[in-house]
PDB file of N, CA and C in Angstrom:
ATOM      1  N   UNK A   1       5.418 -96.076  45.943  1.00  0.00           N
ATOM      2  CA  UNK A   1       5.070 -94.799  45.358  1.00  0.00           C
ATOM      3  C   UNK A   1       3.633 -94.819  44.849  1.00  0.00           C
ATOM      4  N   UNK A   2       3.224 -95.925  44.273  1.00  0.00           N
ATOM      5  CA  UNK A   2       1.869 -96.040  43.749  1.00  0.00           C
ATOM      6  C   UNK A   2       0.840 -95.896  44.862  1.00  0.00           C
ATOM      7  N   UNK A   3       1.151 -96.432  46.051  1.00  0.00           N
ATOM      8  CA  UNK A   3       0.241 -96.301  47.189  1.00  0.00           C
ATOM      9  C   UNK A   3       0.076 -94.847  47.613  1.00  0.00           C
ATOM     10  N   UNK A   4       1.149 -94.064  47.559  1.00  0.00           N
ATOM     11  CA  UNK A   4       1.058 -92.651  47.917  1.00  0.00           C
ATOM     12  C   UNK A   4       0.123 -91.899  46.984  1.00  0.00           C
ATOM     13  N   UNK A   5       0.188 -92.197  45.714  1.00  0.00           N
ATOM     14  CA  UNK A   5      -0.699 -91.543  44.754  1.00  0.00           C
ATOM     15  C   UNK A   5      -2.141 -91.928  45.042  1.00  0.00           C
ATOM     16  N   UNK A   6      -2.382 -93.173  45.348  1.00  0.00           N
ATOM     17  CA  UNK A   6      -3.727 -93.632  45.650  1.00  0.00           C
ATOM     18  C   UNK A   6      -4.262 -92.961  46.910  1.00  0.00           C
ATOM     19  N   UNK A   7      -3.438 -92.840  47.930  1.00  0.00           N
ATOM     20  CA  UNK A   7      -3.851 -92.183  49.167  1.00  0.00           C
ATOM     21  C   UNK A   7      -4.151 -90.707  48.904  1.00  0.00           C
ATOM     22  N   UNK A   8      -3.288 -90.049  48.149  1.00  0.00           N
ATOM     23  CA  UNK A   8      -3.501 -88.639  47.815  1.00  0.00           C
ATOM     24  C   UNK A   8      -4.794 -88.458  47.037  1.00  0.00           C
ATOM     25  N   UNK A   9      -5.027 -89.319  46.076  1.00  0.00           N
ATOM     26  CA  UNK A   9      -6.261 -89.237  45.301  1.00  0.00           C
ATOM     27  C   UNK A   9      -7.476 -89.479  46.184  1.00  0.00           C
ATOM     28  N   UNK A  10      -7.365 -90.418  47.117  1.00  0.00           N
ATOM     29  CA  UNK A  10      -8.476 -90.708  48.023  1.00  0.00           C
ATOM     30  C   UNK A  10      -8.775 -89.506  48.915  1.00  0.00           C
ATOM     31  N   UNK A  11      -7.735 -88.870  49.421  1.00  0.00           N
ATOM     32  CA  UNK A  11      -7.924 -87.690  50.274  1.00  0.00           C
ATOM     33  C   UNK A  11      -8.555 -86.558  49.471  1.00  0.00           C
ATOM     34  N   UNK A  12      -8.048 -86.332  48.260  1.00  0.00           N
ATOM     35  CA  UNK A  12      -8.591 -85.258  47.425  1.00  0.00           C
ATOM     36  C   UNK A  12     -10.044 -85.502  47.044  1.00  0.00           C
ATOM     37  N   UNK A  13     -10.404 -86.749  46.802  1.00  0.00           N
ATOM     38  CA  UNK A  13     -11.796 -87.027  46.445  1.00  0.00           C
ATOM     39  C   UNK A  13     -12.708 -86.951  47.668  1.00  0.00           C
ATOM     40  N   UNK A  14     -12.199 -87.317  48.836  1.00  0.00           N
ATOM     41  CA  UNK A  14     -13.004 -87.256  50.055  1.00  0.00           C
ATOM     42  C   UNK A  14     -13.152 -85.830  50.573  1.00  0.00           C
ATOM     43  N   UNK A  15     -12.121 -85.009  50.369  1.00  0.00           N
ATOM     44  CA  UNK A  15     -12.117 -83.632  50.865  1.00  0.00           C
ATOM     45  C   UNK A  15     -11.732 -82.675  49.740  1.00  0.00           C
ATOM     46  N   UNK A  16     -12.623 -82.461  48.779  1.00  0.00           N
ATOM     47  CA  UNK A  16     -12.264 -81.604  47.638  1.00  0.00           C
ATOM     48  C   UNK A  16     -12.052 -80.140  48.019  1.00  0.00           C
ATOM     49  N   UNK A  17     -12.578 -79.730  49.169  1.00  0.00           N
ATOM     50  CA  UNK A  17     -12.446 -78.333  49.571  1.00  0.00           C
ATOM     51  C   UNK A  17     -11.087 -78.015  50.186  1.00  0.00           C
ATOM     52  N   UNK A  18     -10.280 -79.029  50.469  1.00  0.00           N
ATOM     53  CA  UNK A  18      -8.956 -78.780  51.035  1.00  0.00           C
ATOM     54  C   UNK A  18      -8.060 -78.109  50.005  1.00  0.00           C
ATOM     55  N   UNK A  19      -7.398 -77.030  50.386  1.00  0.00           N
ATOM     56  CA  UNK A  19      -6.491 -76.386  49.430  1.00  0.00           C
ATOM     57  C   UNK A  19      -5.251 -77.243  49.213  1.00  0.00           C
ATOM     58  N   UNK A  20      -4.722 -77.195  48.003  1.00  0.00           N
ATOM     59  CA  UNK A  20      -3.524 -77.979  47.717  1.00  0.00           C
ATOM     60  C   UNK A  20      -2.294 -77.325  48.341  1.00  0.00           C
ATOM     61  N   UNK A  21      -2.313 -76.019  48.475  1.00  0.00           N
ATOM     62  CA  UNK A  21      -1.227 -75.279  49.105  1.00  0.00           C
ATOM     63  C   UNK A  21      -1.785 -74.542  50.321  1.00  0.00           C
ATOM     64  N   UNK A  22      -0.992 -74.398  51.371  1.00  0.00           N
ATOM     65  CA  UNK A  22      -1.483 -73.618  52.512  1.00  0.00           C
ATOM     66  C   UNK A  22      -1.678 -72.159  52.116  1.00  0.00           C
ATOM     67  N   UNK A  23      -2.648 -71.524  52.749  1.00  0.00           N
ATOM     68  CA  UNK A  23      -2.920 -70.115  52.448  1.00  0.00           C
ATOM     69  C   UNK A  23      -1.764 -69.247  52.924  1.00  0.00           C
ATOM     70  N   UNK A  24      -1.539 -68.170  52.209  1.00  0.00           N
ATOM     71  CA  UNK A  24      -0.545 -67.190  52.629  1.00  0.00           C
ATOM     72  C   UNK A  24      -1.272 -66.113  53.417  1.00  0.00           C
ATOM     73  N   UNK A  25      -1.011 -66.083  54.717  1.00  0.00           N
ATOM     74  CA  UNK A  25      -1.626 -65.098  55.599  1.00  0.00           C
ATOM     75  C   UNK A  25      -0.550 -64.124  56.050  1.00  0.00           C
ATOM     76  N   UNK A  26      -0.823 -62.836  55.861  1.00  0.00           N
ATOM     77  CA  UNK A  26       0.160 -61.805  56.166  1.00  0.00           C
ATOM     78  C   UNK A  26      -0.445 -60.742  57.075  1.00  0.00           C
ATOM     79  N   UNK A  27       0.389 -60.171  57.943  1.00  0.00           N
ATOM     80  CA  UNK A  27      -0.052 -59.020  58.723  1.00  0.00           C
ATOM     81  C   UNK A  27      -0.108 -57.812  57.789  1.00  0.00           C
ATOM     82  N   UNK A  28      -0.673 -56.728  58.273  1.00  0.00           N
ATOM     83  CA  UNK A  28      -0.750 -55.509  57.460  1.00  0.00           C
ATOM     84  C   UNK A  28       0.653 -55.063  57.059  1.00  0.00           C
ATOM     85  N   UNK A  29       1.572 -55.077  57.996  1.00  0.00           N
ATOM     86  CA  UNK A  29       2.946 -54.650  57.706  1.00  0.00           C
ATOM     87  C   UNK A  29       3.600 -55.577  56.676  1.00  0.00           C
ATOM     88  N   UNK A  30       3.460 -56.883  56.862  1.00  0.00           N
ATOM     89  CA  UNK A  30       4.051 -57.832  55.920  1.00  0.00           C
ATOM     90  C   UNK A  30       3.452 -57.672  54.525  1.00  0.00           C
ATOM     91  N   UNK A  31       2.138 -57.480  54.475  1.00  0.00           N
ATOM     92  CA  UNK A  31       1.465 -57.314  53.188  1.00  0.00           C
ATOM     93  C   UNK A  31       1.971 -56.055  52.489  1.00  0.00           C
ATOM     94  N   UNK A  32       2.079 -54.972  53.242  1.00  0.00           N
ATOM     95  CA  UNK A  32       2.547 -53.706  52.683  1.00  0.00           C
ATOM     96  C   UNK A  32       3.995 -53.807  52.219  1.00  0.00           C
ATOM     97  N   UNK A  33       4.821 -54.500  52.980  1.00  0.00           N
ATOM     98  CA  UNK A  33       6.220 -54.681  52.579  1.00  0.00           C
ATOM     99  C   UNK A  33       6.328 -55.520  51.306  1.00  0.00           C
ATOM    100  N   UNK A  34       5.494 -56.537  51.199  1.00  0.00           N
ATOM    101  CA  UNK A  34       5.545 -57.433  50.041  1.00  0.00           C
ATOM    102  C   UNK A  34       4.942 -56.780  48.799  1.00  0.00           C
ATOM    103  N   UNK A  35       3.889 -55.989  48.994  1.00  0.00           N
ATOM    104  CA  UNK A  35       3.182 -55.337  47.883  1.00  0.00           C
ATOM    105  C   UNK A  35       3.220 -53.829  48.130  1.00  0.00           C
ATOM    106  N   UNK A  36       4.288 -53.206  47.690  1.00  0.00           N
ATOM    107  CA  UNK A  36       4.531 -51.802  48.032  1.00  0.00           C
ATOM    108  C   UNK A  36       3.510 -50.833  47.436  1.00  0.00           C
ATOM    109  N   UNK A  37       2.676 -51.290  46.526  1.00  0.00           N
ATOM    110  CA  UNK A  37       1.628 -50.419  45.978  1.00  0.00           C
ATOM    111  C   UNK A  37       0.577 -50.100  47.042  1.00  0.00           C
ATOM    112  N   UNK A  38       0.516 -50.927  48.084  1.00  0.00           N
ATOM    113  CA  UNK A  38      -0.462 -50.742  49.155  1.00  0.00           C
ATOM    114  C   UNK A  38       0.266 -50.314  50.426  1.00  0.00           C
ATOM    115  N   UNK A  39       0.060 -49.066  50.831  1.00  0.00           N
ATOM    116  CA  UNK A  39       0.672 -48.604  52.073  1.00  0.00           C
ATOM    117  C   UNK A  39      -0.089 -49.192  53.255  1.00  0.00           C
ATOM    118  N   UNK A  40       0.545 -49.181  54.418  1.00  0.00           N
ATOM    119  CA  UNK A  40      -0.129 -49.689  55.611  1.00  0.00           C
ATOM    120  C   UNK A  40      -1.396 -48.891  55.891  1.00  0.00           C
ATOM    121  N   UNK A  41      -1.323 -47.592  55.719  1.00  0.00           N
ATOM    122  CA  UNK A  41      -2.491 -46.750  55.959  1.00  0.00           C
ATOM    123  C   UNK A  41      -3.642 -47.073  55.020  1.00  0.00           C
ATOM    124  N   UNK A  42      -3.321 -47.300  53.756  1.00  0.00           N
ATOM    125  CA  UNK A  42      -4.362 -47.629  52.778  1.00  0.00           C
ATOM    126  C   UNK A  42      -5.013 -48.972  53.109  1.00  0.00           C
ATOM    127  N   UNK A  43      -4.191 -49.935  53.504  1.00  0.00           N
ATOM    128  CA  UNK A  43      -4.734 -51.251  53.864  1.00  0.00           C
ATOM    129  C   UNK A  43      -5.615 -51.139  55.103  1.00  0.00           C
ATOM    130  N   UNK A  44      -5.148 -50.389  56.100  1.00  0.00           N
ATOM    131  CA  UNK A  44      -5.943 -50.224  57.326  1.00  0.00           C
ATOM    132  C   UNK A  44      -7.271 -49.527  57.026  1.00  0.00           C
ATOM    133  N   UNK A  45      -7.265 -48.588  56.096  1.00  0.00           N
ATOM    134  CA  UNK A  45      -8.505 -47.920  55.708  1.00  0.00           C
ATOM    135  C   UNK A  45      -9.457 -48.912  55.036  1.00  0.00           C
ATOM    136  N   UNK A  46      -8.936 -49.750  54.153  1.00  0.00           N
ATOM    137  CA  UNK A  46      -9.775 -50.766  53.509  1.00  0.00           C
ATOM    138  C   UNK A  46     -10.351 -51.731  54.545  1.00  0.00           C
ATOM    139  N   UNK A  47      -9.547 -52.078  55.545  1.00  0.00           N
ATOM    140  CA  UNK A  47     -10.014 -52.973  56.610  1.00  0.00           C
ATOM    141  C   UNK A  47     -11.118 -52.297  57.416  1.00  0.00           C
ATOM    142  N   UNK A  48     -10.932 -51.018  57.740  1.00  0.00           N
ATOM    143  CA  UNK A  48     -11.940 -50.272  58.497  1.00  0.00           C
ATOM    144  C   UNK A  48     -13.266 -50.228  57.746  1.00  0.00           C
ATOM    145  N   UNK A  49     -13.191 -50.112  56.430  1.00  0.00           N
ATOM    146  CA  UNK A  49     -14.398 -50.005  55.608  1.00  0.00           C
ATOM    147  C   UNK A  49     -14.953 -51.363  55.175  1.00  0.00           C
ATOM    148  N   UNK A  50     -14.358 -52.449  55.644  1.00  0.00           N
ATOM    149  CA  UNK A  50     -14.730 -53.786  55.177  1.00  0.00           C
ATOM    150  C   UNK A  50     -16.138 -54.200  55.589  1.00  0.00           C
ATOM    151  N   UNK A  51     -16.539 -53.866  56.793  1.00  0.00           N
ATOM    152  CA  UNK A  51     -17.841 -54.315  57.292  1.00  0.00           C
ATOM    153  C   UNK A  51     -18.857 -53.180  57.260  1.00  0.00           C
ATOM    154  N   UNK A  52     -20.116 -53.559  57.133  1.00  0.00           N
ATOM    155  CA  UNK A  52     -21.189 -52.565  57.169  1.00  0.00           C
ATOM    156  C   UNK A  52     -21.211 -51.902  58.537  1.00  0.00           C
ATOM    157  N   UNK A  53     -21.575 -50.631  58.554  1.00  0.00           N
ATOM    158  CA  UNK A  53     -21.607 -49.910  59.820  1.00  0.00           C
ATOM    159  C   UNK A  53     -22.810 -48.974  59.850  1.00  0.00           C
ATOM    160  N   UNK A  54     -23.252 -48.705  61.049  1.00  0.00           N
ATOM    161  CA  UNK A  54     -24.424 -47.862  61.248  1.00  0.00           C
ATOM    162  C   UNK A  54     -23.975 -46.443  61.565  1.00  0.00           C
ATOM    163  N   UNK A  55     -24.560 -45.482  60.878  1.00  0.00           N
ATOM    164  CA  UNK A  55     -24.264 -44.076  61.132  1.00  0.00           C
ATOM    165  C   UNK A  55     -25.574 -43.344  61.398  1.00  0.00           C
ATOM    166  N   UNK A  56     -25.472 -42.077  61.683  1.00  0.00           N
ATOM    167  CA  UNK A  56     -26.676 -41.281  61.918  1.00  0.00           C
ATOM    168  C   UNK A  56     -27.526 -41.161  60.650  1.00  0.00           C
ATOM    169  N   UNK A  57     -26.918 -41.383  59.500  1.00  0.00           N
ATOM    170  CA  UNK A  57     -27.649 -41.303  58.232  1.00  0.00           C
ATOM    171  C   UNK A  57     -28.146 -42.664  57.759  1.00  0.00           C
ATOM    172  N   UNK A  58     -27.900 -43.700  58.537  1.00  0.00           N
ATOM    173  CA  UNK A  58     -28.345 -45.037  58.173  1.00  0.00           C
ATOM    174  C   UNK A  58     -27.184 -46.009  58.098  1.00  0.00           C
ATOM    175  N   UNK A  59     -27.431 -47.118  57.463  1.00  0.00           N
ATOM    176  CA  UNK A  59     -26.408 -48.157  57.357  1.00  0.00           C
ATOM    177  C   UNK A  59     -25.594 -47.940  56.086  1.00  0.00           C
ATOM    178  N   UNK A  60     -24.291 -47.962  56.256  1.00  0.00           N
ATOM    179  CA  UNK A  60     -23.371 -47.865  55.124  1.00  0.00           C
ATOM    180  C   UNK A  60     -22.822 -49.266  54.883  1.00  0.00           C
ATOM    181  N   UNK A  61     -23.018 -49.767  53.677  1.00  0.00           N
ATOM    182  CA  UNK A  61     -22.545 -51.119  53.386  1.00  0.00           C
ATOM    183  C   UNK A  61     -21.027 -51.139  53.300  1.00  0.00           C
ATOM    184  N   UNK A  62     -20.459 -52.256  53.698  1.00  0.00           N
ATOM    185  CA  UNK A  62     -19.010 -52.411  53.663  1.00  0.00           C
ATOM    186  C   UNK A  62     -18.511 -52.670  52.257  1.00  0.00           C
ATOM    187  N   UNK A  63     -17.206 -52.671  52.119  1.00  0.00           N
ATOM    188  CA  UNK A  63     -16.611 -52.884  50.799  1.00  0.00           C
ATOM    189  C   UNK A  63     -16.434 -54.361  50.460  1.00  0.00           C
ATOM    190  N   UNK A  64     -16.685 -55.259  51.412  1.00  0.00           N
ATOM    191  CA  UNK A  64     -16.620 -56.688  51.147  1.00  0.00           C
ATOM    192  C   UNK A  64     -15.262 -57.322  51.354  1.00  0.00           C
ATOM    193  N   UNK A  65     -14.293 -56.542  51.790  1.00  0.00           N
ATOM    194  CA  UNK A  65     -12.946 -57.077  51.979  1.00  0.00           C
ATOM    195  C   UNK A  65     -12.881 -58.124  53.087  1.00  0.00           C
ATOM    196  N   UNK A  66     -13.885 -58.172  53.956  1.00  0.00           N
ATOM    197  CA  UNK A  66     -13.831 -59.110  55.080  1.00  0.00           C
ATOM    198  C   UNK A  66     -13.715 -60.570  54.638  1.00  0.00           C
ATOM    199  N   UNK A  67     -13.948 -60.875  53.360  1.00  0.00           N
ATOM    200  CA  UNK A  67     -13.729 -62.248  52.883  1.00  0.00           C
ATOM    201  C   UNK A  67     -12.246 -62.602  52.887  1.00  0.00           C
ATOM    202  N   UNK A  68     -11.385 -61.584  52.861  1.00  0.00           N
ATOM    203  CA  UNK A  68      -9.939 -61.812  52.817  1.00  0.00           C
ATOM    204  C   UNK A  68      -9.275 -61.624  54.175  1.00  0.00           C
ATOM    205  N   UNK A  69     -10.059 -61.325  55.194  1.00  0.00           N
ATOM    206  CA  UNK A  69      -9.495 -61.051  56.516  1.00  0.00           C
ATOM    207  C   UNK A  69      -9.695 -62.241  57.439  1.00  0.00           C
ATOM    208  N   UNK A  70      -8.650 -62.568  58.172  1.00  0.00           N
ATOM    209  CA  UNK A  70      -8.700 -63.652  59.150  1.00  0.00           C
ATOM    210  C   UNK A  70      -8.355 -63.046  60.502  1.00  0.00           C
ATOM    211  N   UNK A  71      -9.276 -63.182  61.438  1.00  0.00           N
ATOM    212  CA  UNK A  71      -9.035 -62.640  62.776  1.00  0.00           C
ATOM    213  C   UNK A  71      -8.831 -63.791  63.754  1.00  0.00           C
ATOM    214  N   UNK A  72      -7.723 -63.718  64.470  1.00  0.00           N
ATOM    215  CA  UNK A  72      -7.421 -64.693  65.514  1.00  0.00           C
ATOM    216  C   UNK A  72      -7.150 -63.874  66.768  1.00  0.00           C
ATOM    217  N   UNK A  73      -8.152 -63.784  67.625  1.00  0.00           N
ATOM    218  CA  UNK A  73      -8.028 -62.899  68.781  1.00  0.00           C
ATOM    219  C   UNK A  73      -7.908 -61.467  68.292  1.00  0.00           C
ATOM    220  N   UNK A  74      -6.872 -60.774  68.730  1.00  0.00           N
ATOM    221  CA  UNK A  74      -6.639 -59.402  68.278  1.00  0.00           C
ATOM    222  C   UNK A  74      -5.833 -59.341  66.989  1.00  0.00           C
ATOM    223  N   UNK A  75      -5.246 -60.463  66.617  1.00  0.00           N
ATOM    224  CA  UNK A  75      -4.404 -60.515  65.413  1.00  0.00           C
ATOM    225  C   UNK A  75      -5.283 -60.504  64.171  1.00  0.00           C
ATOM    226  N   UNK A  76      -4.936 -59.650  63.228  1.00  0.00           N
ATOM    227  CA  UNK A  76      -5.645 -59.586  61.963  1.00  0.00           C
ATOM    228  C   UNK A  76      -4.669 -59.948  60.853  1.00  0.00           C
ATOM    229  N   UNK A  77      -5.045 -60.936  60.063  1.00  0.00           N
ATOM    230  CA  UNK A  77      -4.206 -61.391  58.963  1.00  0.00           C
ATOM    231  C   UNK A  77      -4.963 -61.245  57.654  1.00  0.00           C
ATOM    232  N   UNK A  78      -4.221 -61.026  56.591  1.00  0.00           N
ATOM    233  CA  UNK A  78      -4.812 -60.870  55.264  1.00  0.00           C
ATOM    234  C   UNK A  78      -4.474 -62.106  54.443  1.00  0.00           C
ATOM    235  N   UNK A  79      -5.502 -62.740  53.906  1.00  0.00           N
ATOM    236  CA  UNK A  79      -5.310 -63.862  52.994  1.00  0.00           C
ATOM    237  C   UNK A  79      -4.942 -63.258  51.639  1.00  0.00           C
ATOM    238  N   UNK A  80      -3.707 -63.464  51.240  1.00  0.00           N
ATOM    239  CA  UNK A  80      -3.174 -62.799  50.052  1.00  0.00           C
ATOM    240  C   UNK A  80      -3.975 -63.124  48.788  1.00  0.00           C
ATOM    241  N   UNK A  81      -4.272 -64.386  48.564  1.00  0.00           N
ATOM    242  CA  UNK A  81      -4.995 -64.786  47.350  1.00  0.00           C
ATOM    243  C   UNK A  81      -6.406 -64.193  47.334  1.00  0.00           C
ATOM    244  N   UNK A  82      -7.085 -64.232  48.480  1.00  0.00           N
ATOM    245  CA  UNK A  82      -8.447 -63.697  48.538  1.00  0.00           C
ATOM    246  C   UNK A  82      -8.456 -62.178  48.399  1.00  0.00           C
ATOM    247  N   UNK A  83      -7.406 -61.517  48.882  1.00  0.00           N
ATOM    248  CA  UNK A  83      -7.319 -60.066  48.729  1.00  0.00           C
ATOM    249  C   UNK A  83      -7.291 -59.704  47.250  1.00  0.00           C
ATOM    250  N   UNK A  84      -6.463 -60.385  46.480  1.00  0.00           N
ATOM    251  CA  UNK A  84      -6.363 -60.058  45.057  1.00  0.00           C
ATOM    252  C   UNK A  84      -7.590 -60.530  44.286  1.00  0.00           C
ATOM    253  N   UNK A  85      -8.248 -61.565  44.781  1.00  0.00           N
ATOM    254  CA  UNK A  85      -9.531 -61.968  44.200  1.00  0.00           C
ATOM    255  C   UNK A  85     -10.552 -60.852  44.425  1.00  0.00           C
ATOM    256  N   UNK A  86     -10.548 -60.270  45.622  1.00  0.00           N
ATOM    257  CA  UNK A  86     -11.441 -59.156  45.941  1.00  0.00           C
ATOM    258  C   UNK A  86     -11.140 -57.955  45.039  1.00  0.00           C
ATOM    259  N   UNK A  87      -9.862 -57.678  44.806  1.00  0.00           N
ATOM    260  CA  UNK A  87      -9.472 -56.582  43.905  1.00  0.00           C
ATOM    261  C   UNK A  87     -10.064 -56.823  42.514  1.00  0.00           C
ATOM    262  N   UNK A  88      -9.938 -58.057  42.020  1.00  0.00           N
ATOM    263  CA  UNK A  88     -10.485 -58.388  40.697  1.00  0.00           C
ATOM    264  C   UNK A  88     -11.996 -58.189  40.666  1.00  0.00           C
ATOM    265  N   UNK A  89     -12.677 -58.593  41.740  1.00  0.00           N
ATOM    266  CA  UNK A  89     -14.132 -58.409  41.807  1.00  0.00           C
ATOM    267  C   UNK A  89     -14.498 -56.933  41.794  1.00  0.00           C
ATOM    268  N   UNK A  90     -13.697 -56.103  42.448  1.00  0.00           N
ATOM    269  CA  UNK A  90     -13.963 -54.664  42.453  1.00  0.00           C
ATOM    270  C   UNK A  90     -13.832 -54.094  41.046  1.00  0.00           C
ATOM    271  N   UNK A  91     -12.891 -54.619  40.285  1.00  0.00           N
ATOM    272  CA  UNK A  91     -12.714 -54.159  38.908  1.00  0.00           C
ATOM    273  C   UNK A  91     -13.919 -54.529  38.052  1.00  0.00           C
ATOM    274  N   UNK A  92     -14.476 -55.729  38.276  1.00  0.00           N
ATOM    275  CA  UNK A  92     -15.646 -56.164  37.515  1.00  0.00           C
ATOM    276  C   UNK A  92     -16.875 -55.339  37.875  1.00  0.00           C
ATOM    277  N   UNK A  93     -17.009 -54.989  39.150  1.00  0.00           N
ATOM    278  CA  UNK A  93     -18.162 -54.202  39.603  1.00  0.00           C
ATOM    279  C   UNK A  93     -18.131 -52.809  38.988  1.00  0.00           C
ATOM    280  N   UNK A  94     -16.944 -52.230  38.880  1.00  0.00           N
ATOM    281  CA  UNK A  94     -16.841 -50.851  38.392  1.00  0.00           C
ATOM    282  C   UNK A  94     -17.004 -50.734  36.881  1.00  0.00           C
ATOM    283  N   UNK A  95     -17.049 -51.851  36.179  1.00  0.00           N
ATOM    284  CA  UNK A  95     -17.216 -51.798  34.711  1.00  0.00           C
ATOM    285  C   UNK A  95     -18.646 -51.539  34.334  1.00  0.00           C
TER     286      UNK A  95
END
């Protein structure tokens, strides 16, 4: 047992950026089902507005949600922890 603790400590010191728990990645539907305050439409709108885009009036900056989005091919997943971190940041900005 002592060797396991030593190995774990060695891994953590060598790779401090490794998360201790795997990330929770959810589809839009799964996220909406789990957090009913956010409808699928509202989440999709936030995703659409996540990145900066060019319009006839100039560049419109995105809302920054792309830090919580993981794209694998056509699949789009939401990192649950980063989404709520983004929500907290939005609250700080609006103060």
